[in-house]
Amino acid sequence: MSTIERAAARLGSIGQGAKPRHEPVLRDPTAPSHSIEAETPEQQAAQEATRDQAADVTAKDTGSSTAAPTHRPAMFVGGGYVEIDLDQLAERGFAGVRDTNSELASDFRRIKRPLLLAMQKAEASGEQNNPSNLVVVTSALPAEGKTFVAINLAFSMATEMDRSVLLIDGDPAKSDVCRVLGIEPTRGLTEVLADGGQFIDDAVLKTSVDDLEILPSGPRLDNTDELFASELARRLTRQLAETYPNRIVLIDAPPLLASTEAGALARLA
């Protein structure tokens, strides 16, 4: 055996005892971790599990971007929800919405039908200065039944197939609408006006009567008359009437001869 053959045999015996050498995987430090391929099936499975966990954490941290966005309802009412005891009102002589075949319910149908027709004509012509779906109920003197009419008219109009009603208690001296309906308001019309008309929806109450909401009067302030006569009151009531054209805004105002506030409200309708 030549010297060259002996050297080759020696190198071969050394290589048999050595472990196989793997070339290192070179990685771009700017590339994402999932761009590096795993060397074995076990490593590939581990990488996939790591990616899934990272995706879950990212979704939670970003508020789950795949979730459907929430939208404000078309008839958002932010002031709360109140139950109206219709049985108690019926005992006190109110027509309500249950006894729709009573004589009193028929009487209020006779009252509301011309009003609704007048609204439709005004809406079609577009010639009215004030919103046609804004109605003020008042009387000459106290104790003539204006709140009784306003509440029953609101109940009757709320039964219309394509209408809803916002009943505004516009008499902060007595707050008869809230008193009769057993509502304990937390925020009302006068407070909204005093605060510059902001967040009016937060004062509107959803009721247990379908398609009927209530806006309480709020306390009687020293400048209630000026608030009702202001341009802000005109813009605010117009906003309530025009934002939802199918909604009737019904205001129970004070008696005309008992205060000047009723006259200010009457000019809005």
C-alpha atoms as a PDB file:
ATOM      1  CA  MET A   1       0.000   0.000   0.000  1.00  0.00           C
ATOM      2  CA  SER A   2       1.379   3.325  -1.008  1.00  0.00           C
ATOM      3  CA  THR A   3       1.668   6.337   1.253  1.00  0.00           C
ATOM      4  CA  ILE A   4      -1.285   7.980  -0.485  1.00  0.00           C
ATOM      5  CA  GLU A   5      -3.542   4.933  -0.003  1.00  0.00           C
ATOM      6  CA  ARG A   6      -2.661   4.733   3.696  1.00  0.00           C
ATOM      7  CA  ALA A   7      -3.539   8.417   4.175  1.00  0.00           C
ATOM      8  CA  ALA A   8      -6.916   7.953   2.432  1.00  0.00           C
ATOM      9  CA  ALA A   9      -7.762   4.925   4.628  1.00  0.00           C
ATOM     10  CA  ARG A  10      -6.893   6.913   7.774  1.00  0.00           C
ATOM     11  CA  LEU A  11      -9.175   9.801   6.795  1.00  0.00           C
ATOM     12  CA  GLY A  12     -12.015   7.337   6.083  1.00  0.00           C
ATOM     13  CA  SER A  13     -11.781   5.774   9.550  1.00  0.00           C
ATOM     14  CA  ILE A  14     -11.934   9.206  11.207  1.00  0.00           C
ATOM     15  CA  GLY A  15     -15.057  10.227   9.231  1.00  0.00           C
ATOM     16  CA  GLN A  16     -16.997   7.083  10.259  1.00  0.00           C
ATOM     17  CA  GLY A  17     -17.048   8.127  13.939  1.00  0.00           C
ATOM     18  CA  ALA A  18     -18.008  11.776  13.408  1.00  0.00           C
ATOM     19  CA  LYS A  19     -21.607  13.096  13.601  1.00  0.00           C
ATOM     20  CA  PRO A  20     -23.133  14.516  10.446  1.00  0.00           C
ATOM     21  CA  ARG A  21     -22.732  18.246  10.166  1.00  0.00           C
ATOM     22  CA  HIS A  22     -25.615  20.518   9.154  1.00  0.00           C
ATOM     23  CA  GLU A  23     -25.061  23.805   7.503  1.00  0.00           C
ATOM     24  CA  PRO A  24     -26.617  26.658   9.517  1.00  0.00           C
ATOM     25  CA  VAL A  25     -29.791  28.217   8.191  1.00  0.00           C
ATOM     26  CA  LEU A  26     -29.029  31.800   7.340  1.00  0.00           C
ATOM     27  CA  ARG A  27     -31.892  34.182   8.210  1.00  0.00           C
ATOM     28  CA  ASP A  28     -32.625  37.726   7.276  1.00  0.00           C
ATOM     29  CA  PRO A  29     -33.076  39.562  10.618  1.00  0.00           C
ATOM     30  CA  THR A  30     -35.709  41.848   9.028  1.00  0.00           C
ATOM     31  CA  ALA A  31     -37.840  38.947   7.794  1.00  0.00           C
ATOM     32  CA  PRO A  32     -40.820  37.677   9.880  1.00  0.00           C
ATOM     33  CA  SER A  33     -40.269  34.521  11.856  1.00  0.00           C
ATOM     34  CA  HIS A  34     -42.758  32.482   9.806  1.00  0.00           C
ATOM     35  CA  SER A  35     -40.686  33.046   6.634  1.00  0.00           C
ATOM     36  CA  ILE A  36     -38.049  30.580   7.925  1.00  0.00           C
ATOM     37  CA  GLU A  37     -38.871  26.991   7.024  1.00  0.00           C
ATOM     38  CA  ALA A  38     -38.528  24.381   9.797  1.00  0.00           C
ATOM     39  CA  GLU A  39     -36.086  21.583   9.273  1.00  0.00           C
ATOM     40  CA  THR A  40     -38.283  18.719  10.558  1.00  0.00           C
ATOM     41  CA  PRO A  41     -42.050  17.963  10.629  1.00  0.00           C
ATOM     42  CA  GLU A  42     -42.011  18.375  14.425  1.00  0.00           C
ATOM     43  CA  GLN A  43     -40.443  21.809  14.101  1.00  0.00           C
ATOM     44  CA  GLN A  44     -42.954  22.775  11.414  1.00  0.00           C
ATOM     45  CA  ALA A  45     -45.853  21.810  13.698  1.00  0.00           C
ATOM     46  CA  ALA A  46     -44.344  23.813  16.564  1.00  0.00           C
ATOM     47  CA  GLN A  47     -43.967  26.865  14.316  1.00  0.00           C
ATOM     48  CA  GLU A  48     -47.594  26.624  13.161  1.00  0.00           C
ATOM     49  CA  ALA A  49     -48.832  26.394  16.785  1.00  0.00           C
ATOM     50  CA  THR A  50     -46.730  29.434  17.712  1.00  0.00           C
ATOM     51  CA  ARG A  51     -48.160  31.425  14.808  1.00  0.00           C
ATOM     52  CA  ASP A  52     -51.735  30.526  15.830  1.00  0.00           C
ATOM     53  CA  GLN A  53     -51.134  31.668  19.412  1.00  0.00           C
ATOM     54  CA  ALA A  54     -49.570  34.910  18.216  1.00  0.00           C
ATOM     55  CA  ALA A  55     -52.582  35.568  15.958  1.00  0.00           C
ATOM     56  CA  ASP A  56     -54.975  35.051  18.883  1.00  0.00           C
ATOM     57  CA  VAL A  57     -53.022  37.459  21.088  1.00  0.00           C
ATOM     58  CA  THR A  58     -52.908  40.070  18.300  1.00  0.00           C
ATOM     59  CA  ALA A  59     -56.661  39.822  17.754  1.00  0.00           C
ATOM     60  CA  LYS A  60     -57.329  40.351  21.468  1.00  0.00           C
ATOM     61  CA  ASP A  61     -54.921  43.270  21.717  1.00  0.00           C
ATOM     62  CA  THR A  62     -56.458  45.050  18.719  1.00  0.00           C
ATOM     63  CA  GLY A  63     -60.006  44.560  19.886  1.00  0.00           C
ATOM     64  CA  SER A  64     -60.644  41.602  17.513  1.00  0.00           C
ATOM     65  CA  SER A  65     -60.596  43.432  14.211  1.00  0.00           C
ATOM     66  CA  THR A  66     -62.528  40.603  12.585  1.00  0.00           C
ATOM     67  CA  ALA A  67     -65.601  41.274  14.745  1.00  0.00           C
ATOM     68  CA  ALA A  68     -68.523  43.129  13.173  1.00  0.00           C
ATOM     69  CA  PRO A  69     -68.581  46.822  14.100  1.00  0.00           C
ATOM     70  CA  THR A  70     -71.335  47.981  16.414  1.00  0.00           C
ATOM     71  CA  HIS A  71     -73.754  50.555  15.049  1.00  0.00           C
ATOM     72  CA  ARG A  72     -75.966  53.019  16.865  1.00  0.00           C
ATOM     73  CA  PRO A  73     -79.630  52.030  16.501  1.00  0.00           C
ATOM     74  CA  ALA A  74     -81.770  54.162  14.228  1.00  0.00           C
ATOM     75  CA  MET A  75     -84.006  55.112  17.158  1.00  0.00           C
ATOM     76  CA  PHE A  76     -81.412  55.339  19.878  1.00  0.00           C
ATOM     77  CA  VAL A  77     -82.851  56.271  23.266  1.00  0.00           C
ATOM     78  CA  GLY A  78     -80.195  56.858  25.879  1.00  0.00           C
ATOM     79  CA  GLY A  79     -82.124  58.112  28.907  1.00  0.00           C
ATOM     80  CA  GLY A  80     -83.305  54.730  30.162  1.00  0.00           C
ATOM     81  CA  TYR A  81     -86.402  52.552  30.171  1.00  0.00           C
ATOM     82  CA  VAL A  82     -89.638  52.955  32.127  1.00  0.00           C
ATOM     83  CA  GLU A  83     -92.667  50.719  32.596  1.00  0.00           C
ATOM     84  CA  ILE A  84     -96.071  52.358  32.152  1.00  0.00           C
ATOM     85  CA  ASP A  85     -98.899  50.782  34.136  1.00  0.00           C
ATOM     86  CA  LEU A  86    -101.669  50.707  31.541  1.00  0.00           C
ATOM     87  CA  ASP A  87    -104.122  48.994  33.897  1.00  0.00           C
ATOM     88  CA  GLN A  88    -103.800  51.805  36.422  1.00  0.00           C
ATOM     89  CA  LEU A  89    -104.241  54.389  33.671  1.00  0.00           C
ATOM     90  CA  ALA A  90    -107.359  52.590  32.452  1.00  0.00           C
ATOM     91  CA  GLU A  91    -108.821  52.777  35.956  1.00  0.00           C
ATOM     92  CA  ARG A  92    -108.226  56.534  35.872  1.00  0.00           C
ATOM     93  CA  GLY A  93    -110.107  56.895  32.592  1.00  0.00           C
ATOM     94  CA  PHE A  94    -107.267  56.894  30.047  1.00  0.00           C
ATOM     95  CA  ALA A  95    -107.838  55.130  26.753  1.00  0.00           C
ATOM     96  CA  GLY A  96    -104.389  53.543  26.725  1.00  0.00           C
ATOM     97  CA  VAL A  97    -103.418  51.150  23.963  1.00  0.00           C
ATOM     98  CA  ARG A  98    -105.227  48.017  25.112  1.00  0.00           C
ATOM     99  CA  ASP A  99    -108.881  48.993  24.953  1.00  0.00           C
ATOM    100  CA  THR A 100    -108.730  50.177  21.368  1.00  0.00           C
ATOM    101  CA  ASN A 101    -112.457  49.644  20.754  1.00  0.00           C
ATOM    102  CA  SER A 102    -113.685  51.868  23.558  1.00  0.00           C
ATOM    103  CA  GLU A 103    -115.659  55.042  22.911  1.00  0.00           C
ATOM    104  CA  LEU A 104    -112.795  57.148  24.235  1.00  0.00           C
ATOM    105  CA  ALA A 105    -110.312  55.459  21.880  1.00  0.00           C
ATOM    106  CA  SER A 106    -112.666  56.186  18.962  1.00  0.00           C
ATOM    107  CA  ASP A 107    -112.897  59.827  20.017  1.00  0.00           C
ATOM    108  CA  PHE A 108    -109.118  60.212  19.873  1.00  0.00           C
ATOM    109  CA  ARG A 109    -109.059  58.550  16.466  1.00  0.00           C
ATOM    110  CA  ARG A 110    -111.346  61.332  15.304  1.00  0.00           C
ATOM    111  CA  ILE A 111    -108.902  63.866  16.717  1.00  0.00           C
ATOM    112  CA  LYS A 112    -105.694  62.344  15.376  1.00  0.00           C
ATOM    113  CA  ARG A 113    -106.850  61.506  11.850  1.00  0.00           C
ATOM    114  CA  PRO A 114    -107.175  65.139  10.654  1.00  0.00           C
ATOM    115  CA  LEU A 115    -103.868  65.949  12.329  1.00  0.00           C
ATOM    116  CA  LEU A 116    -102.098  63.116  10.520  1.00  0.00           C
ATOM    117  CA  LEU A 117    -103.667  64.111   7.196  1.00  0.00           C
ATOM    118  CA  ALA A 118    -102.577  67.720   7.719  1.00  0.00           C
ATOM    119  CA  MET A 119     -99.025  66.492   8.425  1.00  0.00           C
ATOM    120  CA  GLN A 120     -98.982  64.467   5.225  1.00  0.00           C
ATOM    121  CA  LYS A 121    -100.203  67.414   3.147  1.00  0.00           C
ATOM    122  CA  ALA A 122     -97.648  69.739   4.706  1.00  0.00           C
ATOM    123  CA  GLU A 123     -94.859  67.216   4.126  1.00  0.00           C
ATOM    124  CA  ALA A 124     -95.903  66.808   0.484  1.00  0.00           C
ATOM    125  CA  SER A 125     -96.060  70.547  -0.183  1.00  0.00           C
ATOM    126  CA  GLY A 126     -92.907  71.423   1.754  1.00  0.00           C
ATOM    127  CA  GLU A 127     -94.264  74.903   2.430  1.00  0.00           C
ATOM    128  CA  GLN A 128     -94.464  74.805   6.236  1.00  0.00           C
ATOM    129  CA  ASN A 129     -92.097  76.991   8.266  1.00  0.00           C
ATOM    130  CA  ASN A 130     -92.010  74.651  11.261  1.00  0.00           C
ATOM    131  CA  PRO A 131     -91.858  70.836  11.130  1.00  0.00           C
ATOM    132  CA  SER A 132     -95.311  69.474  10.341  1.00  0.00           C
ATOM    133  CA  ASN A 133     -94.840  66.565  12.762  1.00  0.00           C
ATOM    134  CA  LEU A 134     -94.381  68.896  15.754  1.00  0.00           C
ATOM    135  CA  VAL A 135     -97.619  69.406  17.722  1.00  0.00           C
ATOM    136  CA  VAL A 136     -98.248  71.460  20.879  1.00  0.00           C
ATOM    137  CA  VAL A 137    -101.205  70.710  23.149  1.00  0.00           C
ATOM    138  CA  THR A 138    -102.309  73.464  25.534  1.00  0.00           C
ATOM    139  CA  SER A 139    -105.381  75.004  27.158  1.00  0.00           C
ATOM    140  CA  ALA A 140    -106.529  78.416  28.321  1.00  0.00           C
ATOM    141  CA  LEU A 141    -106.541  77.660  32.043  1.00  0.00           C
ATOM    142  CA  PRO A 142    -105.318  74.905  34.357  1.00  0.00           C
ATOM    143  CA  ALA A 143    -107.481  71.839  35.043  1.00  0.00           C
ATOM    144  CA  GLU A 144    -109.067  71.841  31.580  1.00  0.00           C
ATOM    145  CA  GLY A 145    -107.689  68.439  30.600  1.00  0.00           C
ATOM    146  CA  LYS A 146    -104.773  69.253  28.310  1.00  0.00           C
ATOM    147  CA  THR A 147    -102.471  66.584  29.809  1.00  0.00           C
ATOM    148  CA  PHE A 148    -105.297  64.041  29.582  1.00  0.00           C
ATOM    149  CA  VAL A 149    -105.628  64.899  25.886  1.00  0.00           C
ATOM    150  CA  ALA A 150    -101.873  64.878  25.278  1.00  0.00           C
ATOM    151  CA  ILE A 151    -101.324  61.444  26.831  1.00  0.00           C
ATOM    152  CA  ASN A 152    -104.324  59.838  25.142  1.00  0.00           C
ATOM    153  CA  LEU A 153    -103.396  61.405  21.812  1.00  0.00           C
ATOM    154  CA  ALA A 154     -99.846  60.088  22.188  1.00  0.00           C
ATOM    155  CA  PHE A 155    -101.152  56.575  22.913  1.00  0.00           C
ATOM    156  CA  SER A 156    -103.462  56.736  19.906  1.00  0.00           C
ATOM    157  CA  MET A 157    -100.804  58.018  17.510  1.00  0.00           C
ATOM    158  CA  ALA A 158     -98.345  55.382  18.722  1.00  0.00           C
ATOM    159  CA  THR A 159    -100.677  52.671  17.384  1.00  0.00           C
ATOM    160  CA  GLU A 160    -100.204  53.940  13.804  1.00  0.00           C
ATOM    161  CA  MET A 161     -98.449  51.395  11.604  1.00  0.00           C
ATOM    162  CA  ASP A 162     -95.776  53.767  10.298  1.00  0.00           C
ATOM    163  CA  ARG A 163     -95.480  56.336  13.099  1.00  0.00           C
ATOM    164  CA  SER A 164     -93.803  56.666  16.477  1.00  0.00           C
ATOM    165  CA  VAL A 165     -94.336  59.324  19.152  1.00  0.00           C
ATOM    166  CA  LEU A 166     -92.061  61.396  21.347  1.00  0.00           C
ATOM    167  CA  LEU A 167     -94.166  62.941  24.122  1.00  0.00           C
ATOM    168  CA  ILE A 168     -92.443  65.957  25.671  1.00  0.00           C
ATOM    169  CA  ASP A 169     -93.486  67.165  29.100  1.00  0.00           C
ATOM    170  CA  GLY A 170     -93.291  70.907  28.459  1.00  0.00           C
ATOM    171  CA  ASP A 171     -94.756  72.074  31.770  1.00  0.00           C
ATOM    172  CA  PRO A 172     -91.860  72.184  34.267  1.00  0.00           C
ATOM    173  CA  ALA A 173     -94.049  73.864  36.873  1.00  0.00           C
ATOM    174  CA  LYS A 174     -96.174  70.736  37.297  1.00  0.00           C
ATOM    175  CA  SER A 175     -94.573  67.964  35.194  1.00  0.00           C
ATOM    176  CA  ASP A 176     -98.014  66.388  34.851  1.00  0.00           C
ATOM    177  CA  VAL A 177     -97.007  63.928  32.110  1.00  0.00           C
ATOM    178  CA  CYS A 178     -94.338  62.316  34.283  1.00  0.00           C
ATOM    179  CA  ARG A 179     -96.561  62.485  37.378  1.00  0.00           C
ATOM    180  CA  VAL A 180     -99.513  60.779  35.666  1.00  0.00           C
ATOM    181  CA  LEU A 181     -97.341  58.109  34.030  1.00  0.00           C
ATOM    182  CA  GLY A 182     -95.419  57.445  37.256  1.00  0.00           C
ATOM    183  CA  ILE A 183     -92.038  58.439  35.822  1.00  0.00           C
ATOM    184  CA  GLU A 184     -89.152  59.611  37.994  1.00  0.00           C
ATOM    185  CA  PRO A 185     -86.989  61.608  35.572  1.00  0.00           C
ATOM    186  CA  THR A 186     -83.283  62.157  36.035  1.00  0.00           C
ATOM    187  CA  ARG A 187     -82.811  64.745  33.270  1.00  0.00           C
ATOM    188  CA  GLY A 188     -85.257  66.873  31.307  1.00  0.00           C
ATOM    189  CA  LEU A 189     -85.888  69.507  28.653  1.00  0.00           C
ATOM    190  CA  THR A 190     -84.995  72.580  30.716  1.00  0.00           C
ATOM    191  CA  GLU A 191     -81.682  71.042  31.806  1.00  0.00           C
ATOM    192  CA  VAL A 192     -80.808  70.132  28.221  1.00  0.00           C
ATOM    193  CA  LEU A 193     -81.518  73.698  27.076  1.00  0.00           C
ATOM    194  CA  ALA A 194     -79.571  75.168  29.993  1.00  0.00           C
ATOM    195  CA  ASP A 195     -76.607  72.956  29.043  1.00  0.00           C
ATOM    196  CA  GLY A 196     -76.607  74.258  25.467  1.00  0.00           C
ATOM    197  CA  GLY A 197     -78.707  71.491  23.912  1.00  0.00           C
ATOM    198  CA  GLN A 198     -76.022  68.833  24.164  1.00  0.00           C
ATOM    199  CA  PHE A 199     -76.834  65.103  24.396  1.00  0.00           C
ATOM    200  CA  ILE A 200     -80.589  65.455  24.025  1.00  0.00           C
ATOM    201  CA  ASP A 201     -80.882  61.693  23.409  1.00  0.00           C
ATOM    202  CA  ASP A 202     -79.575  61.050  26.921  1.00  0.00           C
ATOM    203  CA  ALA A 203     -82.751  62.588  28.358  1.00  0.00           C
ATOM    204  CA  VAL A 204     -85.254  60.618  26.232  1.00  0.00           C
ATOM    205  CA  LEU A 205     -86.876  57.644  27.963  1.00  0.00           C
ATOM    206  CA  LYS A 206     -87.937  54.455  26.229  1.00  0.00           C
ATOM    207  CA  THR A 207     -91.269  53.148  27.534  1.00  0.00           C
ATOM    208  CA  SER A 208     -93.009  49.799  27.697  1.00  0.00           C
ATOM    209  CA  VAL A 209     -95.535  51.106  25.151  1.00  0.00           C
ATOM    210  CA  ASP A 210     -94.423  50.306  21.626  1.00  0.00           C
ATOM    211  CA  ASP A 211     -93.302  53.347  19.601  1.00  0.00           C
ATOM    212  CA  LEU A 212     -93.676  55.759  22.507  1.00  0.00           C
ATOM    213  CA  GLU A 213     -90.818  57.713  24.108  1.00  0.00           C
ATOM    214  CA  ILE A 214     -90.943  60.384  26.808  1.00  0.00           C
ATOM    215  CA  LEU A 215     -88.832  63.510  27.286  1.00  0.00           C
ATOM    216  CA  PRO A 216     -89.352  64.808  30.859  1.00  0.00           C
ATOM    217  CA  SER A 217     -89.742  68.516  31.521  1.00  0.00           C
ATOM    218  CA  GLY A 218     -86.859  69.012  33.901  1.00  0.00           C
ATOM    219  CA  PRO A 219     -87.087  71.505  36.792  1.00  0.00           C
ATOM    220  CA  ARG A 220     -88.539  74.969  36.365  1.00  0.00           C
ATOM    221  CA  LEU A 221     -85.598  77.369  36.165  1.00  0.00           C
ATOM    222  CA  ASP A 222     -85.524  81.106  36.680  1.00  0.00           C
ATOM    223  CA  ASN A 223     -85.141  81.621  32.918  1.00  0.00           C
ATOM    224  CA  THR A 224     -87.445  78.851  31.652  1.00  0.00           C
ATOM    225  CA  ASP A 225     -89.454  81.304  29.544  1.00  0.00           C
ATOM    226  CA  GLU A 226     -86.293  82.635  27.913  1.00  0.00           C
ATOM    227  CA  LEU A 227     -85.046  79.109  27.276  1.00  0.00           C
ATOM    228  CA  PHE A 228     -88.307  78.120  25.557  1.00  0.00           C
ATOM    229  CA  ALA A 229     -88.279  81.315  23.472  1.00  0.00           C
ATOM    230  CA  SER A 230     -84.648  80.918  22.407  1.00  0.00           C
ATOM    231  CA  GLU A 231     -83.271  80.013  19.017  1.00  0.00           C
ATOM    232  CA  LEU A 232     -81.704  76.989  20.725  1.00  0.00           C
ATOM    233  CA  ALA A 233     -85.167  75.653  21.631  1.00  0.00           C
ATOM    234  CA  ARG A 234     -86.290  76.113  18.035  1.00  0.00           C
ATOM    235  CA  ARG A 235     -83.251  74.265  16.695  1.00  0.00           C
ATOM    236  CA  LEU A 236     -83.554  71.518  19.290  1.00  0.00           C
ATOM    237  CA  THR A 237     -87.238  70.788  18.687  1.00  0.00           C
ATOM    238  CA  ARG A 238     -86.656  70.945  14.939  1.00  0.00           C
ATOM    239  CA  GLN A 239     -83.852  68.435  15.354  1.00  0.00           C
ATOM    240  CA  LEU A 240     -86.116  66.082  17.323  1.00  0.00           C
ATOM    241  CA  ALA A 241     -88.802  66.366  14.644  1.00  0.00           C
ATOM    242  CA  GLU A 242     -86.624  66.159  11.538  1.00  0.00           C
ATOM    243  CA  THR A 243     -84.100  63.513  12.568  1.00  0.00           C
ATOM    244  CA  TYR A 244     -86.829  60.865  12.372  1.00  0.00           C
ATOM    245  CA  PRO A 245     -89.540  62.149   9.976  1.00  0.00           C
ATOM    246  CA  ASN A 246     -91.930  59.315  10.895  1.00  0.00           C
ATOM    247  CA  ARG A 247     -91.848  60.332  14.557  1.00  0.00           C
ATOM    248  CA  ILE A 248     -94.471  62.740  15.885  1.00  0.00           C
ATOM    249  CA  VAL A 249     -93.171  65.151  18.519  1.00  0.00           C
ATOM    250  CA  LEU A 250     -96.045  65.993  20.867  1.00  0.00           C
ATOM    251  CA  ILE A 251     -95.494  68.713  23.485  1.00  0.00           C
ATOM    252  CA  ASP A 252     -97.718  69.048  26.539  1.00  0.00           C
ATOM    253  CA  ALA A 253     -97.373  72.796  27.197  1.00  0.00           C
ATOM    254  CA  PRO A 254     -98.494  74.857  30.220  1.00  0.00           C
ATOM    255  CA  PRO A 255    -101.867  76.708  30.085  1.00  0.00           C
ATOM    256  CA  LEU A 256    -101.741  79.828  27.909  1.00  0.00           C
ATOM    257  CA  LEU A 257    -103.192  82.225  30.491  1.00  0.00           C
ATOM    258  CA  ALA A 258    -101.195  80.838  33.412  1.00  0.00           C
ATOM    259  CA  SER A 259     -97.695  81.547  32.065  1.00  0.00           C
ATOM    260  CA  THR A 260     -95.814  82.948  29.095  1.00  0.00           C
ATOM    261  CA  GLU A 261     -94.012  79.649  28.493  1.00  0.00           C
ATOM    262  CA  ALA A 262     -96.917  78.133  26.558  1.00  0.00           C
ATOM    263  CA  GLY A 263     -96.832  80.960  24.007  1.00  0.00           C
ATOM    264  CA  ALA A 264     -93.109  80.399  23.478  1.00  0.00           C
ATOM    265  CA  LEU A 265     -93.652  76.684  22.876  1.00  0.00           C
ATOM    266  CA  ALA A 266     -96.642  77.322  20.598  1.00  0.00           C
ATOM    267  CA  ARG A 267     -94.457  79.327  18.212  1.00  0.00           C
ATOM    268  CA  LEU A 268     -92.296  76.236  17.664  1.00  0.00           C
ATOM    269  CA  ALA A 269     -95.134  74.205  16.125  1.00  0.00           C
END
